[in-house]
Amino acid sequence: MPKIILCRGIPGSGKTVWSKKWALEDSEHRVRFNNDDIRNMLGEYWVPKREWLVEMLKYHFVREAMNRNCDIVIDSMNLNPKEIKVYEKWIEDHNRFDFYLKYKLEFKNFNTPLDICIIRDSARETPIGREVITA
């Protein structure tokens, strides 16, 4: 049964490392999406007035992956309960069109200690910083 896995955790907790490895284990059937990657594709990383476009592109990527029967991992933080509702709605909407396809929503929580997350973030090319992580 195809599935969507939402990784949940703060920056530096290991979401992206885990999800990249998971997707590579079966590149023919698994895909990975991340808001940060979409933002980087668009040019300057953080443009708040452009977040609608990031969400719209992710929606289209996920929808097409669902249509092609892919297992999907989304390694954004996914900490907001509203975000989870969005994915549940996508799955519900998709099943309305393709009744033969039943998607399952799973969660992969990353409970890495805060100090480790801050150290990992500081080693990144574009760290977001302790203040953002602990906000």
Foldseek 3Di string as FASTA:
>chain_A
DAEEEEEADFAQLCLVVVQVVVCVVCVVAEDEAELQVLQVVVPDRDDPVCVVVSVVVVLVVVLVSVVVNHHYYYRYNPPDPVSVVVVVVSQVVSCVVVVVDHYDYHYHYGPHDLVSSQVSQVPDPDRPHPVVRVD
